[in-house]
N, C-alpha and C. Protein backbone atom coordinates (compact mmCIF):
# COMPACT_ATOMS: atom_id res chain seq x y z
N UNK A 1 341.01 162.62 101.84
CA UNK A 1 341.24 161.43 102.30
C UNK A 1 339.98 160.61 102.65
N UNK A 2 339.00 159.46 102.24
CA UNK A 2 337.99 159.26 102.66
C UNK A 2 337.78 158.92 104.20
N UNK A 3 336.74 158.64 104.04
CA UNK A 3 336.30 158.31 106.10
C UNK A 3 335.82 156.53 106.16
N UNK A 4 336.44 155.85 106.70
CA UNK A 4 336.73 154.42 106.87
C UNK A 4 335.51 153.51 107.45
N UNK A 5 334.43 153.37 107.51
CA UNK A 5 333.45 153.39 108.61
C UNK A 5 334.11 151.35 107.90
N UNK A 6 333.96 150.66 109.21
CA UNK A 6 334.52 149.02 109.22
C UNK A 6 333.09 148.73 109.85
N UNK A 7 333.11 147.24 109.86
CA UNK A 7 331.34 146.28 110.24
C UNK A 7 332.39 145.28 110.11
N UNK A 8 331.93 144.02 110.92
CA UNK A 8 332.81 142.81 111.04
C UNK A 8 332.63 142.34 109.65
N UNK A 9 334.07 141.72 109.33
CA UNK A 9 334.82 141.44 107.95
C UNK A 9 334.17 142.06 106.43
N UNK A 10 333.96 143.74 106.91
CA UNK A 10 333.36 144.48 105.80
C UNK A 10 333.99 145.59 106.05
N UNK A 11 334.59 145.82 105.33
CA UNK A 11 335.10 147.81 104.75
C UNK A 11 334.27 148.14 104.10
N UNK A 12 333.72 149.55 104.35
CA UNK A 12 333.50 150.69 103.25
C UNK A 12 333.35 151.61 103.11
N UNK A 13 334.42 152.00 101.99
CA UNK A 13 334.37 153.01 101.83
C UNK A 13 333.40 154.47 101.59
N UNK A 14 333.19 155.35 102.68
CA UNK A 14 332.29 156.57 101.86
C UNK A 14 333.20 157.89 101.57
N UNK A 15 332.92 157.87 99.96
CA UNK A 15 333.06 159.51 99.33
C UNK A 15 332.77 160.28 99.99
N UNK A 16 333.02 161.62 100.24
CA UNK A 16 333.31 162.43 100.95
C UNK A 16 333.59 163.61 100.39
N UNK A 17 333.41 163.40 99.21
CA UNK A 17 333.97 164.23 98.27
C UNK A 17 334.99 165.08 97.94
N UNK A 18 336.17 165.31 98.94
CA UNK A 18 336.85 166.26 99.11
C UNK A 18 337.76 165.83 98.11
N UNK A 19 337.97 164.04 97.52
CA UNK A 19 339.08 164.11 96.21
C UNK A 19 338.55 164.99 93.95
N UNK A 20 337.17 165.73 94.64
CA UNK A 20 337.01 166.62 93.63
C UNK A 20 336.87 167.99 94.08
N UNK A 21 336.62 167.88 94.77
CA UNK A 21 337.07 169.36 95.71
C UNK A 21 338.53 169.43 95.21
N UNK A 22 339.08 168.90 95.23
CA UNK A 22 341.43 169.60 94.24
C UNK A 22 341.41 169.09 93.92
N UNK A 23 340.13 168.83 92.41
CA UNK A 23 340.35 168.81 90.91
C UNK A 23 340.17 170.55 90.06
N UNK A 24 340.60 170.78 89.00
CA UNK A 24 340.51 170.82 87.99
C UNK A 24 340.34 170.97 87.00
N UNK A 25 339.09 171.39 85.74
CA UNK A 25 339.08 170.97 84.23
C UNK A 25 339.80 171.95 83.46
N UNK A 26 341.04 171.65 82.19
CA UNK A 26 341.31 172.78 81.47
C UNK A 26 340.37 172.59 80.38
N UNK A 27 339.24 173.55 80.38
CA UNK A 27 338.83 173.37 79.28
C UNK A 27 339.13 174.74 77.98
N UNK A 28 339.12 173.76 76.66
CA UNK A 28 339.30 174.66 75.75
C UNK A 28 338.48 175.56 74.72
N UNK A 29 338.76 176.45 74.36
CA UNK A 29 337.51 177.34 73.50
C UNK A 29 338.31 178.04 72.85
N UNK A 30 336.44 177.42 71.61
CA UNK A 30 336.76 177.51 70.25
C UNK A 30 336.72 179.75 70.08
N UNK A 31 337.72 179.18 68.78
CA UNK A 31 337.42 180.19 68.05
C UNK A 31 337.11 180.20 66.96
N UNK A 32 337.23 181.45 65.82
CA UNK A 32 337.29 181.24 64.38
C UNK A 32 339.24 181.38 63.82
N UNK A 33 339.89 181.80 64.85
CA UNK A 33 341.25 182.57 64.34
C UNK A 33 342.62 180.94 64.19
N UNK A 34 341.87 180.42 64.50
CA UNK A 34 343.20 179.17 64.65
C UNK A 34 342.69 178.07 63.68
N UNK A 35 343.53 177.44 63.10
CA UNK A 35 343.60 176.11 62.86
C UNK A 35 342.92 174.49 62.94
N UNK A 36 342.78 173.44 62.38
CA UNK A 36 342.91 172.24 63.74
C UNK A 36 344.43 172.21 63.42
N UNK A 37 344.53 172.14 62.41
CA UNK A 37 346.73 172.24 63.06
C UNK A 37 346.81 172.62 63.63
N UNK A 38 346.90 174.15 63.61
CA UNK A 38 347.42 174.58 65.15
C UNK A 38 346.28 173.79 66.19
N UNK A 39 345.08 173.55 66.32
CA UNK A 39 345.59 173.06 67.35
C UNK A 39 345.60 171.43 67.90
N UNK A 40 345.84 171.21 66.48
CA UNK A 40 346.50 169.06 67.22
C UNK A 40 347.97 170.08 67.17
N UNK A 41 348.75 170.80 66.71
CA UNK A 41 349.97 170.98 67.11
C UNK A 41 350.23 170.75 68.19
N UNK A 42 349.54 172.00 68.69
CA UNK A 42 349.63 172.67 70.04
C UNK A 42 349.64 171.68 71.35
N UNK A 43 348.20 171.26 70.62
CA UNK A 43 347.41 169.87 72.01
C UNK A 43 349.02 168.67 71.83
N UNK A 44 349.76 168.55 71.01
CA UNK A 44 351.38 167.35 70.64
C UNK A 44 352.41 167.94 72.00
N UNK A 45 352.03 169.57 71.07
CA UNK A 45 353.50 169.81 71.79
C UNK A 45 353.40 170.19 73.82
N UNK A 46 351.75 170.80 73.70
CA UNK A 46 352.08 171.35 74.95
C UNK A 46 351.82 169.93 75.95
N UNK A 47 351.29 168.72 75.63
CA UNK A 47 350.65 167.64 76.60
C UNK A 47 350.61 166.40 76.57
N UNK A 48 352.06 166.30 74.82
CA UNK A 48 351.84 165.17 74.12
C UNK A 48 351.36 164.57 73.95
N UNK A 49 349.87 164.22 73.20
CA UNK A 49 348.87 164.29 73.23
C UNK A 49 349.31 163.14 71.83
N UNK A 50 348.66 162.16 71.25
CA UNK A 50 349.17 162.20 69.86
C UNK A 50 348.14 162.32 69.01
N UNK A 51 348.42 162.75 67.51
CA UNK A 51 348.10 163.49 66.75
C UNK A 51 346.06 162.69 66.66
N UNK A 52 345.85 161.77 66.68
CA UNK A 52 344.65 161.55 66.49
C UNK A 52 344.13 161.76 68.30
N UNK A 53 344.44 161.18 68.85
CA UNK A 53 343.74 161.66 70.30
C UNK A 53 343.82 163.80 70.15
N UNK A 54 344.89 164.31 69.51
CA UNK A 54 344.55 166.08 69.35
C UNK A 54 343.31 166.60 68.41
N UNK A 55 343.19 165.52 66.99
CA UNK A 55 342.25 165.90 66.15
C UNK A 55 341.02 165.63 66.35
N UNK A 56 340.39 164.27 67.55
CA UNK A 56 339.41 164.81 67.89
C UNK A 56 338.89 165.15 69.05
N UNK A 57 339.65 165.85 69.77
CA UNK A 57 339.86 166.92 70.52
C UNK A 57 339.76 168.44 70.45
N UNK A 58 339.85 168.22 68.90
CA UNK A 58 339.91 169.70 68.11
C UNK A 58 338.64 169.82 67.24
N UNK A 59 338.17 168.03 66.81
CA UNK A 59 336.60 168.35 65.69
C UNK A 59 335.56 168.73 67.77
N UNK A 60 336.55 168.46 68.81
CA UNK A 60 335.01 168.01 69.61
C UNK A 60 334.84 169.91 69.88
N UNK A 61 335.49 170.70 70.41
CA UNK A 61 336.16 172.01 70.16
C UNK A 61 335.30 172.60 69.22
N UNK A 62 335.57 172.61 67.73
CA UNK A 62 334.68 172.86 67.34
C UNK A 62 333.56 172.62 67.27
N UNK A 63 332.70 171.70 67.21
CA UNK A 63 331.63 171.14 67.07
C UNK A 63 330.76 171.47 68.25
N UNK A 64 331.37 171.60 69.45
CA UNK A 64 330.84 171.64 70.93
C UNK A 64 331.07 172.91 71.76
N UNK A 65 331.89 174.16 70.74
CA UNK A 65 331.93 175.28 71.17
C UNK A 65 333.54 174.85 72.73
N UNK A 66 333.78 173.76 72.90
CA UNK A 66 334.70 173.29 74.45
C UNK A 66 334.72 172.45 74.24
N UNK A 67 336.14 172.11 74.38
CA UNK A 67 336.63 170.54 75.29
C UNK A 67 337.20 170.37 76.54
N UNK A 68 337.40 169.87 77.37
CA UNK A 68 338.29 169.07 78.81
C UNK A 68 339.35 168.56 78.21
N UNK A 69 341.12 169.26 78.56
CA UNK A 69 341.67 169.07 78.10
C UNK A 69 342.48 167.72 78.87
N UNK A 70 342.46 168.41 80.18
CA UNK A 70 343.02 168.07 81.53
C UNK A 70 341.92 168.17 82.90
N UNK A 71 342.16 166.65 83.92
CA UNK A 71 342.21 166.91 84.66
C UNK A 71 342.69 167.32 85.47
N UNK A 72 343.36 167.65 86.55
CA UNK A 72 344.13 167.98 87.60
C UNK A 72 344.22 168.58 88.68
N UNK A 73 345.14 168.59 89.55
CA UNK A 73 344.99 169.13 91.14
C UNK A 73 345.39 171.37 89.84
N UNK A 74 345.70 172.43 90.45
CA UNK A 74 344.99 173.56 90.07
C UNK A 74 346.22 173.58 90.27
N UNK A 75 347.58 173.36 90.53
CA UNK A 75 348.65 174.24 90.37
C UNK A 75 349.05 173.53 88.94
N UNK A 76 348.82 171.72 88.42
CA UNK A 76 348.80 171.08 87.68
C UNK A 76 348.64 172.49 85.86
N UNK A 77 347.12 172.05 86.50
CA UNK A 77 346.18 172.50 85.24
C UNK A 77 346.77 173.84 84.90
N UNK A 78 347.15 175.24 85.88
CA UNK A 78 347.61 176.81 86.00
C UNK A 78 348.51 176.07 84.74
N UNK A 79 349.70 175.51 85.15
CA UNK A 79 350.60 175.82 84.36
C UNK A 79 351.06 174.65 83.01
N UNK A 80 349.56 174.77 82.98
CA UNK A 80 348.89 174.49 81.89
C UNK A 80 348.49 175.11 81.01
N UNK A 81 347.08 175.85 81.41
CA UNK A 81 347.15 176.72 80.77
C UNK A 81 348.16 177.97 80.52
N UNK A 82 348.97 178.08 81.51
CA UNK A 82 349.89 179.03 80.88
C UNK A 82 350.44 178.54 79.67
N UNK A 83 350.60 177.94 79.09
CA UNK A 83 351.15 176.83 78.04
C UNK A 83 350.35 177.47 76.96
N UNK A 84 349.19 176.85 76.87
CA UNK A 84 348.18 176.96 76.13
C UNK A 84 348.10 178.46 75.26
N UNK A 85 348.43 179.36 76.35
CA UNK A 85 347.86 180.70 76.77
C UNK A 85 349.65 181.44 76.34
N UNK A 86 350.44 181.39 76.24
CA UNK A 86 351.32 181.08 75.35
C UNK A 86 352.17 180.67 74.43
N UNK A 87 351.41 179.60 73.38
CA UNK A 87 351.95 179.02 72.43
C UNK A 87 351.86 179.85 71.44
N UNK A 88 350.95 181.28 71.14
CA UNK A 88 351.69 182.04 70.11
C UNK A 88 349.64 182.21 68.90
N UNK A 89 350.08 183.20 68.70
CA UNK A 89 348.92 182.86 67.17
C UNK A 89 349.20 181.93 65.95
N UNK A 90 348.11 181.66 65.18
CA UNK A 90 348.19 180.74 64.13
C UNK A 90 348.81 181.07 63.59
N UNK A 91 350.01 180.60 63.01
CA UNK A 91 350.79 181.32 61.55
C UNK A 91 350.11 181.40 60.11
N UNK A 92 349.31 180.41 60.32
CA UNK A 92 348.36 180.11 59.04
C UNK A 92 346.97 181.05 58.43
N UNK A 93 347.08 181.61 59.54
CA UNK A 93 345.37 182.49 59.86
C UNK A 93 345.67 184.09 60.30
N UNK A 94 345.65 184.99 58.68
CA UNK A 94 346.46 186.52 59.01
C UNK A 94 345.78 186.69 60.41
N UNK A 95 344.27 186.16 60.71
CA UNK A 95 343.17 187.20 61.22
C UNK A 95 343.57 186.74 62.88
N UNK A 96 344.34 185.22 62.90
CA UNK A 96 345.16 184.74 64.19
C UNK A 96 345.71 185.75 65.04
N UNK A 97 344.98 186.86 65.80
CA UNK A 97 346.05 187.59 67.19
C UNK A 97 347.15 187.19 68.01
N UNK A 98 346.23 185.87 68.70
CA UNK A 98 346.75 185.67 69.59
C UNK A 98 347.22 184.07 69.94
N UNK A 99 347.22 183.46 70.77
CA UNK A 99 347.29 182.21 71.31
C UNK A 99 345.01 181.59 71.90
N UNK A 100 344.61 180.55 71.44
CA UNK A 100 343.72 179.69 72.35
C UNK A 100 343.86 180.18 73.69
N UNK A 101 342.26 180.74 73.86
CA UNK A 101 341.31 180.68 75.54
C UNK A 101 341.37 179.56 75.50
N UNK A 102 341.91 178.97 77.06
CA UNK A 102 341.27 177.94 77.68
C UNK A 102 341.14 177.98 79.48
N UNK A 103 340.36 177.87 80.17
CA UNK A 103 339.58 178.70 81.41
C UNK A 103 339.89 176.95 82.11
N UNK A 104 339.92 177.63 83.39
CA UNK A 104 339.58 176.30 84.79
C UNK A 104 338.08 176.20 85.79
N UNK A 105 337.80 175.27 85.75
CA UNK A 105 336.53 174.94 86.53
C UNK A 105 336.88 174.12 87.73
N UNK A 106 335.69 174.36 88.37
CA UNK A 106 336.38 172.78 89.57
C UNK A 106 335.44 171.61 88.61
N UNK A 107 336.19 170.57 89.02
CA UNK A 107 335.45 169.23 88.79
C UNK A 107 334.75 169.32 89.28
N UNK A 108 333.63 168.97 88.92
CA UNK A 108 331.79 168.52 89.52
C UNK A 108 332.27 166.85 89.26
């Protein structure tokens, strides 16, 4: 909870940084074993993202090597990470041996 500093007629909220300390990013990592269709389907199933949003994330992962999928509390982010890791291999790529990888990092 932010610390409140009051002055006559003025209330100023001072950010203590606690809010970000309790938040984490779930970051999807790029690989060469999953198609755009797989990423779009997985993001729709796991996160409920629209095809348009999922496609934009797939493009970002492909271009930048990673993309933030969500930011939230550690427990919430961990549950989604588990769902990404449990999604399985891409049936359209024979070289795909398993799910995509996603890592958790503190939000800064």
